[in-house]
Every structure is written in structure tokens, then in C-alpha cells.
Amino acid sequence: MLKKPYREAMNDMKRFPGIGDPGAEKILLFGRSHRILALDSNGLRVLRRLGFSEDKKNYSATYRAAQEAVKDQIPKDFDGLIRAYILLRQHGKELCKNSRPLCEQCPLQFDCKYFESAYRSSA
């Protein structure tokens, strides 16, 4: 599967129960077969809050919009993409949480649209 062209590999993997685009792309990235910024929900939330994408009509559209918004700013090599995945995921789990984010501790707060709208406007 990993040696197939991107679209074919994605379709094959999504035949497995519970595997959608994010999971399939993670497999392709970590299997080092296709250079793509895979995102889990934590990483996507970080990119959305930083202002790279807004919520769209569905999760898939939001996911694709965020990938498109950062495509020129992300590394092109596997190691860089894997590191980006891990860092975005970790940041989303530890600081940029879904509920009660720790914005005051975040090193990105001054570049963050969410922080600006949620915290500065209430000050």
C-alpha cells in the first residue's frame, strides 16, 4: 500500500474500520512514503487557533483548509514533517487544550488569533 500513488494508497487504507484521511495520512507520513502534513485533532486545533484556518462546514474541509494554509511554511522532508506533526500534537494536548487552554503559558500567545480574541478583548 505504501508504495502506491497517494490517492490509491489513501483509498486502500480508508477501507479499514476507523481509518479516515487523518489516520491514513499519518501512516503515509510515518511510513515515509508520502510527504504530507498529517494532523490529528490537537494539531488542527492549534493551526485553527493561530489563524491558519477557520471552521468550515465539516471536519474534513477544515482539515484540508489548514493543510493548504500552511503548505508553503512547512518542511518538505520527512523528518521535518514528522517533527511538525509531533510538536503540533503535543502543543494541542498540553497547552492549546480543547477546553481550558493554558494561553497564559503559551509561547505563541502574541501570534495567536484565539488568544487575541478570547483574552485581550476581555481585558
Protein backbone atom coordinates (compact mmCIF):
# COMPACT_ATOMS: atom_id res chain seq x y z
CA MET A 1 0.00 0.00 0.00
CA LEU A 2 2.70 2.48 0.94
CA LYS A 3 4.31 2.23 -2.49
CA LYS A 4 1.14 3.14 -4.35
CA PRO A 5 0.36 6.65 -5.58
CA TYR A 6 -1.08 8.93 -2.89
CA ARG A 7 -4.77 8.76 -3.83
CA GLU A 8 -4.68 4.99 -4.33
CA ALA A 9 -2.88 4.41 -1.02
CA MET A 10 -5.37 6.67 0.78
CA ASN A 11 -8.36 4.82 -0.67
CA ASP A 12 -6.90 1.43 0.24
CA MET A 13 -6.18 2.43 3.85
CA LYS A 14 -9.58 4.03 4.36
CA ARG A 15 -11.16 0.64 3.73
CA PHE A 16 -10.03 -0.36 7.23
CA PRO A 17 -12.53 0.42 10.00
CA GLY A 18 -11.80 3.65 11.84
CA ILE A 19 -9.25 4.96 9.32
CA GLY A 20 -10.12 8.32 7.78
CA ASP A 21 -7.99 10.86 5.97
CA PRO A 22 -6.02 11.97 9.07
CA GLY A 23 -5.15 8.40 10.08
CA ALA A 24 -4.26 7.35 6.55
CA GLU A 25 -2.06 10.41 6.08
CA LYS A 26 -0.31 9.72 9.37
CA ILE A 27 0.50 6.20 8.16
CA LEU A 28 1.81 7.56 4.85
CA LEU A 29 3.93 10.16 6.65
CA PHE A 30 5.37 7.90 9.34
CA GLY A 31 5.85 5.13 6.77
CA ARG A 32 7.89 7.70 4.83
CA SER A 33 6.08 7.08 1.61
CA HIS A 34 4.36 10.45 1.01
CA ARG A 35 5.40 13.90 2.20
CA ILE A 36 2.25 15.39 3.70
CA LEU A 37 1.49 17.32 6.85
CA ALA A 38 -0.70 14.87 8.70
CA LEU A 39 -2.72 16.42 11.51
CA ASP A 40 -4.55 14.94 14.43
CA SER A 41 -7.35 16.90 16.10
CA ASN A 42 -4.88 18.55 18.50
CA GLY A 43 -2.61 19.81 15.74
CA LEU A 44 -5.56 21.01 13.70
CA ARG A 45 -6.90 22.94 16.71
CA VAL A 46 -3.51 24.67 17.14
CA LEU A 47 -3.43 25.75 13.48
CA ARG A 48 -7.05 26.95 13.65
CA ARG A 49 -6.44 28.99 16.78
CA LEU A 50 -3.28 30.51 15.33
CA GLY A 51 -5.46 31.74 12.47
CA PHE A 52 -4.36 29.44 9.66
CA SER A 53 -7.90 28.19 9.10
CA GLU A 54 -11.42 28.81 10.25
CA ASP A 55 -14.02 26.19 10.98
CA LYS A 56 -15.58 25.06 7.73
CA LYS A 57 -18.79 23.16 7.02
CA ASN A 58 -17.23 19.91 8.26
CA TYR A 59 -14.08 18.49 9.84
CA SER A 60 -12.66 17.33 6.53
CA ALA A 61 -12.99 20.77 4.95
CA THR A 62 -11.39 22.42 8.00
CA TYR A 63 -8.56 19.85 7.90
CA ARG A 64 -7.84 20.50 4.21
CA ALA A 65 -8.05 24.28 4.62
CA ALA A 66 -5.46 24.19 7.42
CA GLN A 67 -3.12 22.00 5.36
CA GLU A 68 -3.48 24.34 2.41
CA ALA A 69 -2.85 27.43 4.55
CA VAL A 70 0.50 26.17 5.86
CA LYS A 71 1.76 24.27 2.82
CA ASP A 72 4.38 26.90 1.93
CA GLN A 73 5.58 27.26 5.54
CA ILE A 74 6.22 23.64 6.49
CA PRO A 75 9.27 21.48 5.93
CA LYS A 76 9.31 19.33 2.82
CA ASP A 77 11.39 16.46 4.19
CA PHE A 78 10.04 13.51 6.17
CA ASP A 79 11.93 14.33 9.38
CA GLY A 80 10.65 17.92 9.39
CA LEU A 81 7.07 16.88 8.67
CA ILE A 82 7.13 14.20 11.36
CA ARG A 83 8.57 16.71 13.83
CA ALA A 84 5.85 19.23 12.89
CA TYR A 85 3.17 16.57 13.46
CA ILE A 86 4.59 15.67 16.86
CA LEU A 87 5.06 19.27 18.01
CA LEU A 88 1.60 20.40 16.89
CA ARG A 89 0.02 17.37 18.54
CA GLN A 90 1.93 17.87 21.79
CA HIS A 91 1.20 21.60 21.89
CA GLY A 92 -2.51 20.90 21.37
CA LYS A 93 -2.59 18.27 24.12
CA GLU A 94 -0.60 20.17 26.73
CA LEU A 95 -1.26 23.89 26.22
CA CYS A 96 -3.79 24.54 23.46
CA LYS A 97 -6.34 22.19 25.00
CA ASN A 98 -9.86 21.90 23.70
CA SER A 99 -11.30 23.08 26.99
CA ARG A 100 -9.47 25.43 29.32
CA PRO A 101 -6.41 26.12 27.15
CA LEU A 102 -3.36 27.40 29.01
CA CYS A 103 -2.94 30.51 26.89
CA GLU A 104 -1.11 32.45 29.60
CA GLN A 105 1.71 29.88 29.45
CA CYS A 106 1.82 29.65 25.66
CA PRO A 107 4.93 30.94 23.87
CA LEU A 108 2.76 31.61 20.79
CA GLN A 109 0.16 33.79 22.50
CA PHE A 110 1.25 37.03 20.83
CA ASP A 111 0.82 35.50 17.36
CA CYS A 112 -2.40 33.68 18.26
CA LYS A 113 -5.78 34.83 16.94
CA TYR A 114 -7.59 32.80 19.61
CA PHE A 115 -5.60 34.41 22.43
CA GLU A 116 -6.25 37.84 20.99
CA SER A 117 -10.00 37.35 20.67
CA ALA A 118 -10.52 35.42 23.90
CA TYR A 119 -8.15 37.19 26.25
CA ARG A 120 -7.11 40.60 25.04
CA SER A 121 -10.61 41.69 24.12
CA SER A 122 -11.84 40.84 27.63
CA ALA A 123 -9.05 42.80 29.33
